[in-house]
C-alpha atoms as a PDB file:
ATOM      1  CA  UNK A   1      11.936  -8.171   7.320  1.00  0.00           C
ATOM      2  CA  UNK A   2      11.887 -11.723   6.891  1.00  0.00           C
ATOM      3  CA  UNK A   3       9.961 -12.468   9.986  1.00  0.00           C
ATOM      4  CA  UNK A   4       7.347  -9.928   8.883  1.00  0.00           C
ATOM      5  CA  UNK A   5       7.022 -11.262   5.377  1.00  0.00           C
ATOM      6  CA  UNK A   6       6.632 -14.972   6.797  1.00  0.00           C
ATOM      7  CA  UNK A   7       3.728 -13.680   8.883  1.00  0.00           C
ATOM      8  CA  UNK A   8       2.168 -11.813   6.294  1.00  0.00           C
ATOM      9  CA  UNK A   9       1.929 -15.186   4.178  1.00  0.00           C
ATOM     10  CA  UNK A  10      -0.057 -16.785   7.028  1.00  0.00           C
ATOM     11  CA  UNK A  11      -2.971 -14.483   5.993  1.00  0.00           C
ATOM     12  CA  UNK A  12      -3.613 -16.337   2.541  1.00  0.00           C
ATOM     13  CA  UNK A  13      -6.071 -18.813   1.869  1.00  0.00           C
ATOM     14  CA  UNK A  14      -3.930 -21.916   0.343  1.00  0.00           C
ATOM     15  CA  UNK A  15      -5.597 -24.249  -2.024  1.00  0.00           C
ATOM     16  CA  UNK A  16      -8.091 -26.647  -0.847  1.00  0.00           C
ATOM     17  CA  UNK A  17      -5.649 -29.320   0.528  1.00  0.00           C
ATOM     18  CA  UNK A  18      -4.664 -26.889   3.145  1.00  0.00           C
ATOM     19  CA  UNK A  19      -5.436 -27.799   6.840  1.00  0.00           C
ATOM     20  CA  UNK A  20      -3.998 -26.624  10.219  1.00  0.00           C
ATOM     21  CA  UNK A  21      -5.048 -26.984  14.056  1.00  0.00           C
ATOM     22  CA  UNK A  22      -8.303 -25.816  14.974  1.00  0.00           C
ATOM     23  CA  UNK A  23      -8.555 -22.091  15.745  1.00  0.00           C
ATOM     24  CA  UNK A  24      -9.959 -20.290  18.424  1.00  0.00           C
ATOM     25  CA  UNK A  25     -13.664 -18.996  18.117  1.00  0.00           C
ATOM     26  CA  UNK A  26     -14.074 -15.816  16.575  1.00  0.00           C
ATOM     27  CA  UNK A  27     -14.950 -13.204  19.146  1.00  0.00           C
ATOM     28  CA  UNK A  28     -17.912 -11.013  18.807  1.00  0.00           C
ATOM     29  CA  UNK A  29     -17.590  -7.499  18.212  1.00  0.00           C
ATOM     30  CA  UNK A  30     -20.098  -5.240  20.249  1.00  0.00           C
ATOM     31  CA  UNK A  31     -19.764  -2.179  17.954  1.00  0.00           C
ATOM     32  CA  UNK A  32     -21.680  -2.307  14.425  1.00  0.00           C
ATOM     33  CA  UNK A  33     -19.502  -2.992  11.482  1.00  0.00           C
ATOM     34  CA  UNK A  34     -19.958  -0.387   8.977  1.00  0.00           C
ATOM     35  CA  UNK A  35     -20.440  -1.054   5.181  1.00  0.00           C
ATOM     36  CA  UNK A  36     -17.348   0.649   4.376  1.00  0.00           C
ATOM     37  CA  UNK A  37     -15.262  -1.814   6.735  1.00  0.00           C
ATOM     38  CA  UNK A  38     -17.069  -4.815   5.359  1.00  0.00           C
ATOM     39  CA  UNK A  39     -16.247  -3.760   1.881  1.00  0.00           C
ATOM     40  CA  UNK A  40     -12.529  -3.570   2.767  1.00  0.00           C
ATOM     41  CA  UNK A  41     -12.696  -6.937   4.381  1.00  0.00           C
ATOM     42  CA  UNK A  42     -14.118  -8.448   1.519  1.00  0.00           C
ATOM     43  CA  UNK A  43     -11.570  -6.757  -0.826  1.00  0.00           C
ATOM     44  CA  UNK A  44      -8.896  -8.358   1.282  1.00  0.00           C
ATOM     45  CA  UNK A  45     -10.598 -11.697   1.186  1.00  0.00           C
ATOM     46  CA  UNK A  46     -10.628 -11.596  -2.647  1.00  0.00           C
ATOM     47  CA  UNK A  47      -7.262 -10.136  -2.822  1.00  0.00           C
ATOM     48  CA  UNK A  48      -5.358 -12.824  -0.757  1.00  0.00           C
ATOM     49  CA  UNK A  49      -7.607 -15.444  -2.088  1.00  0.00           C
ATOM     50  CA  UNK A  50      -7.711 -14.528  -5.743  1.00  0.00           C
ATOM     51  CA  UNK A  51     -10.398 -15.887  -7.962  1.00  0.00           C
ATOM     52  CA  UNK A  52      -8.210 -17.044 -11.070  1.00  0.00           C
ATOM     53  CA  UNK A  53      -5.542 -18.696  -8.679  1.00  0.00           C
ATOM     54  CA  UNK A  54      -7.723 -20.368  -6.578  1.00  0.00           C
ATOM     55  CA  UNK A  55      -9.652 -22.007  -9.293  1.00  0.00           C
ATOM     56  CA  UNK A  56      -6.532 -22.808 -11.361  1.00  0.00           C
ATOM     57  CA  UNK A  57      -4.652 -24.114  -8.352  1.00  0.00           C
ATOM     58  CA  UNK A  58      -7.482 -26.281  -6.983  1.00  0.00           C
ATOM     59  CA  UNK A  59      -8.326 -27.822 -10.412  1.00  0.00           C
ATOM     60  CA  UNK A  60      -4.684 -28.427 -10.931  1.00  0.00           C
ATOM     61  CA  UNK A  61      -4.154 -30.428  -7.725  1.00  0.00           C
ATOM     62  CA  UNK A  62      -7.414 -32.427  -8.138  1.00  0.00           C
ATOM     63  CA  UNK A  63      -6.377 -33.458 -11.710  1.00  0.00           C
ATOM     64  CA  UNK A  64      -2.950 -34.545 -10.362  1.00  0.00           C
ATOM     65  CA  UNK A  65      -4.605 -36.430  -7.608  1.00  0.00           C
ATOM     66  CA  UNK A  66      -7.076 -38.000  -9.891  1.00  0.00           C
ATOM     67  CA  UNK A  67      -4.262 -39.051 -12.272  1.00  0.00           C
ATOM     68  CA  UNK A  68      -1.673 -40.151  -9.659  1.00  0.00           C
ATOM     69  CA  UNK A  69      -4.416 -42.616  -8.244  1.00  0.00           C
ATOM     70  CA  UNK A  70      -2.869 -45.558 -10.027  1.00  0.00           C
ATOM     71  CA  UNK A  71       0.689 -45.121  -8.407  1.00  0.00           C
ATOM     72  CA  UNK A  72      -0.822 -44.773  -4.938  1.00  0.00           C
ATOM     73  CA  UNK A  73      -3.765 -47.090  -4.825  1.00  0.00           C
ATOM     74  CA  UNK A  74      -4.088 -50.880  -5.571  1.00  0.00           C
ATOM     75  CA  UNK A  75      -7.293 -50.992  -6.975  1.00  0.00           C
ATOM     76  CA  UNK A  76      -6.446 -47.929  -9.255  1.00  0.00           C
ATOM     77  CA  UNK A  77      -3.491 -49.185 -10.453  1.00  0.00           C
ATOM     78  CA  UNK A  78      -5.132 -52.595 -11.453  1.00  0.00           C
ATOM     79  CA  UNK A  79      -8.016 -50.624 -13.281  1.00  0.00           C
ATOM     80  CA  UNK A  80      -5.249 -48.586 -15.115  1.00  0.00           C
ATOM     81  CA  UNK A  81      -3.436 -51.644 -15.917  1.00  0.00           C
ATOM     82  CA  UNK A  82      -6.677 -53.207 -17.499  1.00  0.00           C
ATOM     83  CA  UNK A  83      -7.854 -50.208 -19.291  1.00  0.00           C
ATOM     84  CA  UNK A  84      -4.917 -47.739 -19.954  1.00  0.00           C
ATOM     85  CA  UNK A  85      -6.149 -43.999 -19.918  1.00  0.00           C
ATOM     86  CA  UNK A  86      -9.186 -44.561 -17.929  1.00  0.00           C
ATOM     87  CA  UNK A  87      -8.409 -42.214 -15.311  1.00  0.00           C
ATOM     88  CA  UNK A  88      -7.905 -39.552 -17.728  1.00  0.00           C
ATOM     89  CA  UNK A  89     -11.186 -40.211 -19.223  1.00  0.00           C
ATOM     90  CA  UNK A  90     -12.816 -39.824 -15.594  1.00  0.00           C
ATOM     91  CA  UNK A  91     -10.952 -36.642 -14.962  1.00  0.00           C
ATOM     92  CA  UNK A  92     -12.014 -35.216 -18.416  1.00  0.00           C
ATOM     93  CA  UNK A  93     -15.660 -36.076 -17.695  1.00  0.00           C
ATOM     94  CA  UNK A  94     -15.452 -34.581 -14.181  1.00  0.00           C
ATOM     95  CA  UNK A  95     -13.474 -31.565 -14.831  1.00  0.00           C
ATOM     96  CA  UNK A  96     -16.188 -29.079 -16.010  1.00  0.00           C
ATOM     97  CA  UNK A  97     -18.478 -30.052 -13.017  1.00  0.00           C
ATOM     98  CA  UNK A  98     -15.614 -29.595 -10.605  1.00  0.00           C
ATOM     99  CA  UNK A  99     -14.743 -26.373 -12.126  1.00  0.00           C
ATOM    100  CA  UNK A 100     -18.517 -25.103 -11.800  1.00  0.00           C
ATOM    101  CA  UNK A 101     -18.496 -26.271  -8.075  1.00  0.00           C
ATOM    102  CA  UNK A 102     -15.187 -24.283  -7.258  1.00  0.00           C
ATOM    103  CA  UNK A 103     -16.590 -21.124  -9.258  1.00  0.00           C
ATOM    104  CA  UNK A 104     -20.028 -21.427  -7.145  1.00  0.00           C
ATOM    105  CA  UNK A 105     -18.243 -22.099  -3.943  1.00  0.00           C
ATOM    106  CA  UNK A 106     -15.382 -19.730  -3.877  1.00  0.00           C
ATOM    107  CA  UNK A 107     -17.641 -16.722  -2.815  1.00  0.00           C
ATOM    108  CA  UNK A 108     -18.502 -18.564   0.300  1.00  0.00           C
ATOM    109  CA  UNK A 109     -14.995 -18.799   1.359  1.00  0.00           C
ATOM    110  CA  UNK A 110     -14.598 -15.228   0.703  1.00  0.00           C
ATOM    111  CA  UNK A 111     -17.824 -14.324   2.718  1.00  0.00           C
ATOM    112  CA  UNK A 112     -16.386 -16.266   5.603  1.00  0.00           C
ATOM    113  CA  UNK A 113     -13.010 -14.708   5.787  1.00  0.00           C
ATOM    114  CA  UNK A 114     -14.906 -11.329   5.614  1.00  0.00           C
ATOM    115  CA  UNK A 115     -16.750 -12.113   8.690  1.00  0.00           C
ATOM    116  CA  UNK A 116     -13.757 -13.260  10.668  1.00  0.00           C
ATOM    117  CA  UNK A 117     -11.732 -10.233   9.417  1.00  0.00           C
ATOM    118  CA  UNK A 118     -14.361  -7.623  10.607  1.00  0.00           C
ATOM    119  CA  UNK A 119     -14.414  -9.699  13.970  1.00  0.00           C
ATOM    120  CA  UNK A 120     -10.459  -9.728  14.331  1.00  0.00           C
ATOM    121  CA  UNK A 121      -9.111  -6.659  12.801  1.00  0.00           C
ATOM    122  CA  UNK A 122      -9.771  -3.075  13.287  1.00  0.00           C
ATOM    123  CA  UNK A 123     -10.649  -0.739  10.511  1.00  0.00           C
ATOM    124  CA  UNK A 124      -7.092   0.846  10.170  1.00  0.00           C
ATOM    125  CA  UNK A 125      -5.587  -2.738  10.299  1.00  0.00           C
ATOM    126  CA  UNK A 126      -7.927  -3.868   7.385  1.00  0.00           C
ATOM    127  CA  UNK A 127      -7.127  -0.872   5.353  1.00  0.00           C
ATOM    128  CA  UNK A 128      -3.334  -1.253   5.866  1.00  0.00           C
ATOM    129  CA  UNK A 129      -3.384  -4.942   5.024  1.00  0.00           C
ATOM    130  CA  UNK A 130      -5.385  -4.473   1.840  1.00  0.00           C
ATOM    131  CA  UNK A 131      -3.033  -1.534   1.067  1.00  0.00           C
ATOM    132  CA  UNK A 132      -0.033  -3.760   1.350  1.00  0.00           C
ATOM    133  CA  UNK A 133      -1.087  -6.748  -0.615  1.00  0.00           C
ATOM    134  CA  UNK A 134      -2.054  -4.455  -3.468  1.00  0.00           C
ATOM    135  CA  UNK A 135       1.638  -3.340  -3.515  1.00  0.00           C
ATOM    136  CA  UNK A 136       4.256  -4.951  -5.854  1.00  0.00           C
ATOM    137  CA  UNK A 137       5.776  -6.880  -2.954  1.00  0.00           C
ATOM    138  CA  UNK A 138       2.213  -8.177  -1.684  1.00  0.00           C
ATOM    139  CA  UNK A 139       1.429  -9.216  -5.120  1.00  0.00           C
ATOM    140  CA  UNK A 140       4.720 -10.976  -5.588  1.00  0.00           C
ATOM    141  CA  UNK A 141       4.058 -12.701  -1.935  1.00  0.00           C
ATOM    142  CA  UNK A 142       0.629 -14.026  -3.238  1.00  0.00           C
ATOM    143  CA  UNK A 143       1.960 -15.388  -6.507  1.00  0.00           C
ATOM    144  CA  UNK A 144       5.088 -16.705  -4.886  1.00  0.00           C
ATOM    145  CA  UNK A 145       3.027 -18.741  -2.066  1.00  0.00           C
ATOM    146  CA  UNK A 146       0.709 -20.315  -4.281  1.00  0.00           C
ATOM    147  CA  UNK A 147       3.294 -20.947  -7.254  1.00  0.00           C
ATOM    148  CA  UNK A 148       5.618 -22.628  -4.755  1.00  0.00           C
ATOM    149  CA  UNK A 149       2.961 -24.453  -2.640  1.00  0.00           C
ATOM    150  CA  UNK A 150       4.210 -28.290  -3.310  1.00  0.00           C
ATOM    151  CA  UNK A 151       1.330 -30.601  -2.209  1.00  0.00           C
ATOM    152  CA  UNK A 152       2.472 -33.931  -3.824  1.00  0.00           C
ATOM    153  CA  UNK A 153       2.875 -35.234  -0.474  1.00  0.00           C
ATOM    154  CA  UNK A 154      -0.978 -34.782   0.232  1.00  0.00           C
ATOM    155  CA  UNK A 155      -1.798 -36.092  -3.282  1.00  0.00           C
ATOM    156  CA  UNK A 156      -0.020 -39.257  -2.563  1.00  0.00           C
ATOM    157  CA  UNK A 157      -1.823 -39.625   0.990  1.00  0.00           C
ATOM    158  CA  UNK A 158      -5.065 -38.872  -0.531  1.00  0.00           C
ATOM    159  CA  UNK A 159      -4.530 -41.782  -3.328  1.00  0.00           C
ATOM    160  CA  UNK A 160      -3.329 -44.316  -0.551  1.00  0.00           C
ATOM    161  CA  UNK A 161      -6.230 -43.636   1.850  1.00  0.00           C
ATOM    162  CA  UNK A 162      -8.926 -41.673  -0.035  1.00  0.00           C
ATOM    163  CA  UNK A 163     -11.288 -41.869   3.203  1.00  0.00           C
ATOM    164  CA  UNK A 164      -8.873 -40.867   5.700  1.00  0.00           C
ATOM    165  CA  UNK A 165      -7.903 -37.329   6.694  1.00  0.00           C
ATOM    166  CA  UNK A 166      -4.784 -35.676   5.511  1.00  0.00           C
ATOM    167  CA  UNK A 167      -2.163 -35.771   8.052  1.00  0.00           C
ATOM    168  CA  UNK A 168      -1.600 -32.152   9.015  1.00  0.00           C
ATOM    169  CA  UNK A 169       2.133 -32.595   9.410  1.00  0.00           C
ATOM    170  CA  UNK A 170       2.403 -33.000   5.510  1.00  0.00           C
ATOM    171  CA  UNK A 171       0.435 -29.836   4.804  1.00  0.00           C
ATOM    172  CA  UNK A 172       2.450 -27.871   7.487  1.00  0.00           C
ATOM    173  CA  UNK A 173       5.816 -29.041   6.031  1.00  0.00           C
ATOM    174  CA  UNK A 174       4.531 -28.059   2.585  1.00  0.00           C
ATOM    175  CA  UNK A 175       3.230 -24.466   3.684  1.00  0.00           C
ATOM    176  CA  UNK A 176       6.327 -23.718   5.593  1.00  0.00           C
ATOM    177  CA  UNK A 177       8.511 -24.682   2.624  1.00  0.00           C
ATOM    178  CA  UNK A 178       6.444 -22.512   0.206  1.00  0.00           C
ATOM    179  CA  UNK A 179       6.820 -19.633   2.846  1.00  0.00           C
ATOM    180  CA  UNK A 180      10.539 -19.802   2.995  1.00  0.00           C
ATOM    181  CA  UNK A 181      11.054 -20.120  -0.653  1.00  0.00           C
ATOM    182  CA  UNK A 182       8.817 -17.305  -1.455  1.00  0.00           C
ATOM    183  CA  UNK A 183      10.440 -14.896   1.040  1.00  0.00           C
ATOM    184  CA  UNK A 184      13.825 -15.857  -0.354  1.00  0.00           C
ATOM    185  CA  UNK A 185      12.763 -14.935  -3.966  1.00  0.00           C
ATOM    186  CA  UNK A 186      10.708 -11.865  -3.834  1.00  0.00           C
ATOM    187  CA  UNK A 187      13.077  -8.991  -3.309  1.00  0.00           C
ATOM    188  CA  UNK A 188      10.777  -6.884  -1.130  1.00  0.00           C
ATOM    189  CA  UNK A 189      10.476  -3.274  -1.380  1.00  0.00           C
ATOM    190  CA  UNK A 190      11.242  -1.573   2.072  1.00  0.00           C
ATOM    191  CA  UNK A 191       8.625   0.976   1.570  1.00  0.00           C
ATOM    192  CA  UNK A 192       6.047  -1.683   0.863  1.00  0.00           C
ATOM    193  CA  UNK A 193       7.085  -3.421   4.074  1.00  0.00           C
ATOM    194  CA  UNK A 194       6.851  -0.204   6.122  1.00  0.00           C
ATOM    195  CA  UNK A 195       3.141  -0.298   4.987  1.00  0.00           C
ATOM    196  CA  UNK A 196       2.796  -3.579   6.546  1.00  0.00           C
ATOM    197  CA  UNK A 197       4.788  -2.976   9.579  1.00  0.00           C
ATOM    198  CA  UNK A 198       2.669   0.158  10.286  1.00  0.00           C
ATOM    199  CA  UNK A 199      -0.721  -1.726   9.982  1.00  0.00           C
ATOM    200  CA  UNK A 200      -0.516  -4.638  12.151  1.00  0.00           C
ATOM    201  CA  UNK A 201       1.957  -6.564  14.556  1.00  0.00           C
ATOM    202  CA  UNK A 202       3.787  -9.843  13.446  1.00  0.00           C
ATOM    203  CA  UNK A 203       1.966 -11.602  16.278  1.00  0.00           C
ATOM    204  CA  UNK A 204      -1.672 -10.459  15.378  1.00  0.00           C
ATOM    205  CA  UNK A 205      -0.901 -11.572  11.562  1.00  0.00           C
ATOM    206  CA  UNK A 206       0.004 -15.036  12.898  1.00  0.00           C
ATOM    207  CA  UNK A 207      -3.140 -15.205  15.172  1.00  0.00           C
ATOM    208  CA  UNK A 208      -5.434 -14.246  11.961  1.00  0.00           C
ATOM    209  CA  UNK A 209      -3.577 -16.245   9.671  1.00  0.00           C
ATOM    210  CA  UNK A 210      -4.233 -19.331  11.741  1.00  0.00           C
ATOM    211  CA  UNK A 211      -8.148 -18.609  11.533  1.00  0.00           C
ATOM    212  CA  UNK A 212      -7.563 -17.974   7.911  1.00  0.00           C
ATOM    213  CA  UNK A 213      -6.190 -21.385   7.514  1.00  0.00           C
ATOM    214  CA  UNK A 214      -8.805 -22.950   9.543  1.00  0.00           C
ATOM    215  CA  UNK A 215     -11.690 -21.390   7.730  1.00  0.00           C
ATOM    216  CA  UNK A 216      -9.961 -22.485   4.467  1.00  0.00           C
ATOM    217  CA  UNK A 217      -9.827 -25.950   5.436  1.00  0.00           C
ATOM    218  CA  UNK A 218     -13.477 -26.117   6.755  1.00  0.00           C
ATOM    219  CA  UNK A 219     -14.596 -24.624   3.323  1.00  0.00           C
ATOM    220  CA  UNK A 220     -12.600 -26.882   1.194  1.00  0.00           C
ATOM    221  CA  UNK A 221     -13.769 -30.192   3.169  1.00  0.00           C
ATOM    222  CA  UNK A 222     -17.333 -29.228   3.182  1.00  0.00           C
ATOM    223  CA  UNK A 223     -19.164 -31.783   1.157  1.00  0.00           C
ATOM    224  CA  UNK A 224     -22.389 -31.012  -0.684  1.00  0.00           C
ATOM    225  CA  UNK A 225     -24.170 -34.312  -1.290  1.00  0.00           C
ATOM    226  CA  UNK A 226     -25.732 -33.165  -4.518  1.00  0.00           C
ATOM    227  CA  UNK A 227     -22.241 -32.086  -5.902  1.00  0.00           C
ATOM    228  CA  UNK A 228     -20.645 -35.345  -4.750  1.00  0.00           C
ATOM    229  CA  UNK A 229     -23.329 -37.427  -6.536  1.00  0.00           C
ATOM    230  CA  UNK A 230     -22.964 -35.471  -9.791  1.00  0.00           C
ATOM    231  CA  UNK A 231     -19.389 -35.929  -9.830  1.00  0.00           C
ATOM    232  CA  UNK A 232     -19.373 -39.492  -8.995  1.00  0.00           C
ATOM    233  CA  UNK A 233     -22.022 -40.081 -11.703  1.00  0.00           C
ATOM    234  CA  UNK A 234     -19.949 -38.420 -14.220  1.00  0.00           C
ATOM    235  CA  UNK A 235     -16.941 -40.488 -13.406  1.00  0.00           C
ATOM    236  CA  UNK A 236     -18.686 -43.615 -13.265  1.00  0.00           C
ATOM    237  CA  UNK A 237     -20.532 -43.241 -16.563  1.00  0.00           C
ATOM    238  CA  UNK A 238     -17.011 -42.162 -18.173  1.00  0.00           C
ATOM    239  CA  UNK A 239     -15.166 -45.206 -16.572  1.00  0.00           C
ATOM    240  CA  UNK A 240     -18.098 -47.450 -18.031  1.00  0.00           C
ATOM    241  CA  UNK A 241     -18.189 -46.068 -21.550  1.00  0.00           C
ATOM    242  CA  UNK A 242     -14.190 -46.160 -21.728  1.00  0.00           C
ATOM    243  CA  UNK A 243     -14.309 -49.673 -20.492  1.00  0.00           C
ATOM    244  CA  UNK A 244     -16.710 -50.648 -23.304  1.00  0.00           C
ATOM    245  CA  UNK A 245     -14.738 -48.680 -25.870  1.00  0.00           C
ATOM    246  CA  UNK A 246     -11.382 -50.361 -24.885  1.00  0.00           C
ATOM    247  CA  UNK A 247     -12.076 -53.749 -23.865  1.00  0.00           C
ATOM    248  CA  UNK A 248      -9.529 -55.465 -21.851  1.00  0.00           C
ATOM    249  CA  UNK A 249      -7.289 -57.830 -23.770  1.00  0.00           C
END
């Protein structure tokens, strides 16, 4: 049962700092995909990457990353020492815009997952997985994984070297720890597990899970130039206003 649950956790879209090794290209299906199958795939994407959880977790880690900069970056440390509270002011200014961007961009992730699901899974597998993730056990898995995902190592890494890619080993370690902790906590219902086992094999879950992680990473690291400029402009304006209102003594 533990092996099955850990594999099931691989099908989640983790918060925006998640990364993994590149997945294999999605194979093309020759048969037409029915509207019903697409609807099931879309529902699965929204269930395993739930709107409220994804927005809340990504905003939480973005805030932690911003406020941790003085502990990890010499320039930020100096700035915070000269103007105590300036990073909080910058976060307060950028937060509404970052939240708007998350709300706008999350459907793009769901669409990518939907396309991959209909290519990689049969209709019966999709139906079975959606049924499982809507069970009490499936819901506890989803809540547990996001709740147990500790990305402080990745946040620190970004603070030390903002322009460098996150070390995948840091993320792999955090994800593995979250999966292990979640499975130990959830007290699964055997009837719910039978739904999962009858829907898809462990090996298939792992293979699709790798693709989920890759698509999530690509989505989270995609940069929109206009969004990026708006965010930077807001933070720069807030920093300037804060420094003027709190002159360095």
